[in-house]
Protein backbone atom coordinates (compact mmCIF):
# COMPACT_ATOMS: atom_id res chain seq x y z
CA MET A 1 7.89 16.32 78.51
CA LEU A 2 10.35 17.34 75.77
CA ILE A 3 8.63 15.52 72.91
CA SER A 4 4.91 15.96 72.57
CA ARG A 5 2.55 13.04 72.48
CA THR A 6 1.54 13.81 68.86
CA ILE A 7 5.15 13.61 67.64
CA LEU A 8 5.60 10.28 69.44
CA ILE A 9 2.45 8.91 67.80
CA TYR A 10 3.61 9.98 64.32
CA LEU A 11 7.07 8.55 64.97
CA ALA A 12 5.61 5.24 66.11
CA LEU A 13 3.27 5.04 63.12
CA GLY A 14 6.11 5.99 60.78
CA LEU A 15 8.13 3.05 62.06
CA ILE A 16 5.37 0.48 62.54
CA ILE A 17 3.49 0.87 59.24
CA PRO A 18 6.40 0.29 56.79
CA PHE A 19 7.76 -2.68 58.71
CA SER A 20 4.34 -4.27 59.12
CA MET A 21 3.52 -3.78 55.42
CA GLU A 22 6.79 -5.44 54.41
CA ARG A 23 6.08 -8.31 56.79
CA ILE A 24 2.52 -8.79 55.52
CA GLY A 25 3.79 -8.70 51.92
CA GLY A 26 6.35 -11.36 52.77
CA LEU A 27 3.63 -13.61 54.15
CA LEU A 28 1.26 -13.12 51.22
CA ARG A 29 3.59 -13.30 48.23
CA GLU A 30 4.38 -16.48 46.38
CA LYS A 31 7.50 -18.33 47.48
CA THR A 32 9.94 -19.14 44.66
CA THR A 33 13.10 -21.21 44.66
CA GLY A 34 15.77 -21.24 42.00
CA ARG A 35 15.60 -19.39 38.71
CA GLY A 36 11.95 -18.83 38.02
CA ALA A 37 9.80 -16.61 35.90
CA SER A 38 10.30 -13.72 38.30
CA GLU A 39 13.97 -13.45 37.33
CA GLU A 40 13.45 -13.47 33.56
CA SER A 41 13.47 -10.19 31.72
CA TYR A 42 10.35 -9.25 29.81
CA GLU A 43 8.75 -6.24 28.25
CA SER A 44 5.01 -5.72 28.05
CA GLY A 45 4.43 -9.30 29.13
CA ILE A 46 6.26 -10.75 26.11
CA LYS A 47 9.31 -12.93 26.62
CA ALA A 48 12.50 -11.40 25.32
CA GLU A 49 14.24 -12.89 22.33
CA GLY A 50 18.01 -12.82 22.11
CA ASP A 51 20.36 -10.98 24.43
CA THR A 52 18.55 -8.67 26.85
CA TRP A 53 21.67 -6.82 27.98
CA MET A 54 22.05 -4.03 25.46
CA PRO A 55 24.04 -0.81 25.85
CA GLN A 56 21.91 2.24 26.48
CA TYR A 57 22.89 5.59 25.09
CA LEU A 58 23.70 8.28 27.62
CA ARG A 59 22.01 10.89 25.42
CA TYR A 60 18.54 9.54 26.33
CA TYR A 61 19.26 9.97 30.04
CA ILE A 62 20.59 13.50 29.56
CA TYR A 63 17.53 14.40 27.49
CA ALA A 64 15.23 13.02 30.20
CA LEU A 65 17.17 14.85 32.92
CA VAL A 66 16.89 18.18 31.09
CA PHE A 67 13.16 17.55 30.63
CA VAL A 68 12.62 16.82 34.33
CA LEU A 69 14.64 19.88 35.30
CA PHE A 70 12.62 22.28 33.16
CA ASP A 71 9.36 20.52 34.01
CA ALA A 72 9.98 21.12 37.71
CA GLU A 73 10.85 24.75 37.03
CA THR A 74 7.59 25.16 35.14
CA ALA A 75 5.70 23.89 38.18
CA VAL A 76 7.31 26.73 40.15
CA LEU A 77 6.29 29.31 37.55
CA PHE A 78 2.56 28.51 37.46
CA PRO A 79 1.69 29.93 40.92
CA TRP A 80 3.86 32.96 40.18
CA ALA A 81 2.04 33.60 36.91
CA ASP A 82 -1.33 33.24 38.62
CA ALA A 83 -0.51 35.85 41.26
CA PHE A 84 1.54 38.16 39.02
CA HIS A 85 -0.77 41.15 39.43
CA LYS A 86 -0.72 40.87 43.26
CA ILE A 87 3.01 40.47 43.94
CA PRO A 88 5.30 43.34 44.98
CA PRO A 89 7.75 44.71 42.37
CA LEU A 90 10.84 43.24 44.04
CA LEU A 91 9.38 39.74 43.89
CA GLY A 92 8.51 40.31 40.22
CA ILE A 93 12.14 41.24 39.52
CA GLN A 94 13.31 38.10 41.32
CA ALA A 95 10.95 36.00 39.22
CA MET A 96 12.28 37.60 36.04
CA VAL A 97 15.86 36.81 37.13
CA PHE A 98 14.72 33.21 37.70
CA ILE A 99 13.30 33.04 34.16
CA VAL A 100 16.48 34.54 32.68
CA LEU A 101 18.55 31.89 34.50
CA LEU A 102 16.25 29.21 33.07
CA LEU A 103 16.76 30.62 29.59
CA PHE A 104 20.54 30.58 30.06
CA GLY A 105 20.29 26.95 31.17
CA LEU A 106 18.19 26.11 28.12
CA LEU A 107 20.63 27.85 25.78
CA TYR A 108 23.55 26.04 27.44
CA ALA A 109 21.85 22.65 27.04
CA TRP A 110 21.01 23.49 23.42
CA LYS A 111 24.57 24.61 22.66
CA LYS A 112 26.02 21.44 24.23
CA GLY A 113 23.69 19.32 22.05
CA ALA A 114 21.71 17.84 24.93
CA LEU A 115 18.44 18.53 23.12
CA LYS A 116 19.31 16.63 19.92
CA TRP A 117 17.43 13.37 19.57
CA GLU A 118 19.58 11.17 17.35
């Protein structure tokens, strides 16, 4: 047999579970017709006053993207810092190159003004 029994079981479960959960949710949720409360915009449970379609500034998204980028890189650095005394010298040099590249990225974002919150 080309595909093992375990792979077939995982494949079947991976297909059955999402479809069955969606089906069960469809049976349990409240049925609405027309424009109801589910289509109104709200924030923190309070009905919105005035126009809810407002332009969003691209700067906030760029700031968040830079944060997520450097946050993910920090998650990579924690295990490296924990095992710093055990790693071979070549791996230490590679980690230092990685940190230098991160610093260049930070300086580039700073120079382009992506870190200004105005």
